[in-house]
C-alpha atoms as a PDB file:
ATOM      1  CA  MET A   1       7.508-129.625  34.585  1.00  0.00           C
ATOM      2  CA  ARG A   2       9.427-126.737  33.005  1.00  0.00           C
ATOM      3  CA  LEU A   3       9.928-128.754  29.811  1.00  0.00           C
ATOM      4  CA  PHE A   4       6.210-129.587  29.701  1.00  0.00           C
ATOM      5  CA  ALA A   5       5.299-125.888  29.932  1.00  0.00           C
ATOM      6  CA  GLY A   6       7.734-125.122  27.122  1.00  0.00           C
ATOM      7  CA  LEU A   7       6.367-127.880  24.918  1.00  0.00           C
ATOM      8  CA  LEU A   8       2.807-126.716  25.599  1.00  0.00           C
ATOM      9  CA  ALA A   9       3.768-123.171  24.600  1.00  0.00           C
ATOM     10  CA  VAL A  10       5.353-124.479  21.381  1.00  0.00           C
ATOM     11  CA  VAL A  11       2.232-126.487  20.530  1.00  0.00           C
ATOM     12  CA  PHE A  12      -0.124-123.525  21.071  1.00  0.00           C
ATOM     13  CA  PHE A  13       2.149-121.130  19.220  1.00  0.00           C
ATOM     14  CA  LEU A  14       2.545-123.412  16.218  1.00  0.00           C
ATOM     15  CA  ILE A  15      -1.165-124.282  16.039  1.00  0.00           C
ATOM     16  CA  ALA A  16      -2.057-120.586  15.851  1.00  0.00           C
ATOM     17  CA  TRP A  17       0.631-119.860  13.278  1.00  0.00           C
ATOM     18  CA  ILE A  18      -0.248-122.881  11.131  1.00  0.00           C
ATOM     19  CA  ILE A  19      -3.908-121.813  11.084  1.00  0.00           C
ATOM     20  CA  LEU A  20      -2.936-118.292   9.989  1.00  0.00           C
ATOM     21  CA  THR A  21      -0.586-119.662   7.323  1.00  0.00           C
ATOM     22  CA  LEU A  22      -3.296-121.969   5.972  1.00  0.00           C
ATOM     23  CA  ILE A  23      -5.638-118.975   5.705  1.00  0.00           C
ATOM     24  CA  VAL A  24      -2.968-117.091   3.738  1.00  0.00           C
ATOM     25  CA  ILE A  25      -2.448-120.089   1.431  1.00  0.00           C
ATOM     26  CA  LYS A  26      -6.223-120.525   0.956  1.00  0.00           C
ATOM     27  CA  ASN A  27      -6.651-116.833   0.065  1.00  0.00           C
ATOM     28  CA  GLY A  28      -3.588-116.988  -2.170  1.00  0.00           C
ATOM     29  CA  ARG A  29      -2.210-113.758  -0.763  1.00  0.00           C
ATOM     30  CA  ASN A  30      -0.870-112.134   2.370  1.00  0.00           C
ATOM     31  CA  ASN A  31      -2.199-108.617   2.826  1.00  0.00           C
ATOM     32  CA  GLY A  32       0.451-107.766   5.407  1.00  0.00           C
ATOM     33  CA  ASP A  33       3.115-105.129   4.936  1.00  0.00           C
ATOM     34  CA  ILE A  34       6.136-106.451   3.040  1.00  0.00           C
ATOM     35  CA  PHE A  35       8.683-104.839   5.395  1.00  0.00           C
ATOM     36  CA  VAL A  36       7.030-106.183   8.548  1.00  0.00           C
ATOM     37  CA  ASN A  37       6.982-109.677   7.057  1.00  0.00           C
ATOM     38  CA  LEU A  38      10.588-109.345   5.889  1.00  0.00           C
ATOM     39  CA  PHE A  39      11.853-108.228   9.302  1.00  0.00           C
ATOM     40  CA  PHE A  40       9.834-110.954  10.982  1.00  0.00           C
ATOM     41  CA  LEU A  41      11.311-113.573   8.646  1.00  0.00           C
ATOM     42  CA  LEU A  42      14.848-112.309   9.276  1.00  0.00           C
ATOM     43  CA  GLY A  43      14.237-112.226  13.032  1.00  0.00           C
ATOM     44  CA  VAL A  44      12.957-115.777  13.167  1.00  0.00           C
ATOM     45  CA  ILE A  45      15.848-117.040  11.042  1.00  0.00           C
ATOM     46  CA  SER A  46      18.272-115.236  13.379  1.00  0.00           C
ATOM     47  CA  PHE A  47      16.611-116.856  16.394  1.00  0.00           C
ATOM     48  CA  THR A  48      16.935-120.257  14.703  1.00  0.00           C
ATOM     49  CA  ILE A  49      20.671-119.728  14.189  1.00  0.00           C
ATOM     50  CA  TYR A  50      21.033-118.601  17.802  1.00  0.00           C
ATOM     51  CA  SER A  51      19.080-121.643  19.040  1.00  0.00           C
ATOM     52  CA  VAL A  52      21.398-123.960  17.120  1.00  0.00           C
ATOM     53  CA  GLN A  53      24.440-122.220  18.626  1.00  0.00           C
ATOM     54  CA  VAL A  54      23.021-122.502  22.147  1.00  0.00           C
ATOM     55  CA  GLY A  55      21.861-126.077  21.557  1.00  0.00           C
ATOM     56  CA  GLU A  56      18.296-125.743  22.895  1.00  0.00           C
ATOM     57  CA  ILE A  57      16.326-128.445  21.079  1.00  0.00           C
ATOM     58  CA  LEU A  58      12.964-126.939  22.011  1.00  0.00           C
ATOM     59  CA  PHE A  59      13.833-123.555  20.541  1.00  0.00           C
ATOM     60  CA  ILE A  60      15.529-125.087  17.498  1.00  0.00           C
ATOM     61  CA  LEU A  61      12.263-126.909  16.772  1.00  0.00           C
ATOM     62  CA  LEU A  62      10.080-123.858  17.402  1.00  0.00           C
ATOM     63  CA  ASN A  63      12.204-121.389  15.473  1.00  0.00           C
ATOM     64  CA  GLY A  64      12.882-123.814  12.626  1.00  0.00           C
ATOM     65  CA  ILE A  65       9.178-124.397  12.042  1.00  0.00           C
ATOM     66  CA  ALA A  66       8.457-120.684  12.575  1.00  0.00           C
ATOM     67  CA  SER A  67      11.072-119.855   9.921  1.00  0.00           C
ATOM     68  CA  ILE A  68       9.349-122.121   7.412  1.00  0.00           C
ATOM     69  CA  LEU A  69       5.946-120.604   8.202  1.00  0.00           C
ATOM     70  CA  ALA A  70       7.349-117.057   8.009  1.00  0.00           C
ATOM     71  CA  PHE A  71       8.849-117.820   4.596  1.00  0.00           C
ATOM     72  CA  ILE A  72       5.495-119.174   3.365  1.00  0.00           C
ATOM     73  CA  ASN A  73       3.741-116.029   4.591  1.00  0.00           C
ATOM     74  CA  PHE A  74       6.400-113.833   2.939  1.00  0.00           C
ATOM     75  CA  TYR A  75       6.044-115.755  -0.340  1.00  0.00           C
ATOM     76  CA  TYR A  76       2.324-114.969  -0.521  1.00  0.00           C
ATOM     77  CA  ILE A  77       2.734-111.166  -0.337  1.00  0.00           C
ATOM     78  CA  PRO A  78       1.375-109.854  -3.634  1.00  0.00           C
ATOM     79  CA  ASN A  79       3.705-108.128  -6.031  1.00  0.00           C
ATOM     80  CA  LYS A  80       2.361-104.588  -5.715  1.00  0.00           C
ATOM     81  CA  PHE A  81       4.661-103.266  -8.437  1.00  0.00           C
ATOM     82  CA  LYS A  82       3.246-105.731 -10.961  1.00  0.00           C
ATOM     83  CA  LYS A  83      -0.289-104.547 -10.158  1.00  0.00           C
ATOM     84  CA  MET A  84       0.827-100.925 -10.433  1.00  0.00           C
ATOM     85  CA  LYS A  85       2.357-101.564 -13.875  1.00  0.00           C
ATOM     86  CA  LYS A  86      -0.918-103.094 -15.083  1.00  0.00           C
ATOM     87  CA  GLU A  87      -2.873-100.082 -13.856  1.00  0.00           C
ATOM     88  CA  ILE A  88      -0.474 -97.664 -15.552  1.00  0.00           C
ATOM     89  CA  LYS A  89      -0.702 -99.607 -18.805  1.00  0.00           C
ATOM     90  CA  SER A  90      -4.518 -99.567 -18.745  1.00  0.00           C
ATOM     91  CA  ILE A  91      -4.526 -95.803 -18.083  1.00  0.00           C
ATOM     92  CA  GLU A  92      -2.085 -95.252 -20.963  1.00  0.00           C
ATOM     93  CA  MET A  93      -4.377 -97.266 -23.260  1.00  0.00           C
ATOM     94  CA  GLU A  94      -7.386 -95.178 -22.186  1.00  0.00           C
ATOM     95  CA  ILE A  95      -5.490 -91.978 -22.884  1.00  0.00           C
ATOM     96  CA  SER A  96      -4.376 -93.179 -26.321  1.00  0.00           C
ATOM     97  CA  ASP A  97      -7.972 -94.254 -27.156  1.00  0.00           C
ATOM     98  CA  ASN A  98      -9.271 -90.827 -26.147  1.00  0.00           C
ATOM     99  CA  LYS A  99      -6.775 -89.052 -28.431  1.00  0.00           C
ATOM    100  CA  GLU A 100      -8.096 -90.878 -31.474  1.00  0.00           C
END
């Protein structure tokens, strides 16, 4: 019965996370904070390593899949510096046009 409860928790957890990841992929971006996503990714990877060391198959499965989903979510964080560089360049062009 304890294993069934654990498996049920894994199923519900992964369904929710997969839905959120699919939304991020569909939108093509993750609007979350880069540091929160980075720490979450590192935490889940650490839990996966720990699960392998302990030998708990249920947690190896959960944390392994969660690591993949966390990496996908981290990948879709927009490059804010690239956007900032474009904005600076457009402002510089406006300034140079106004000088002429």
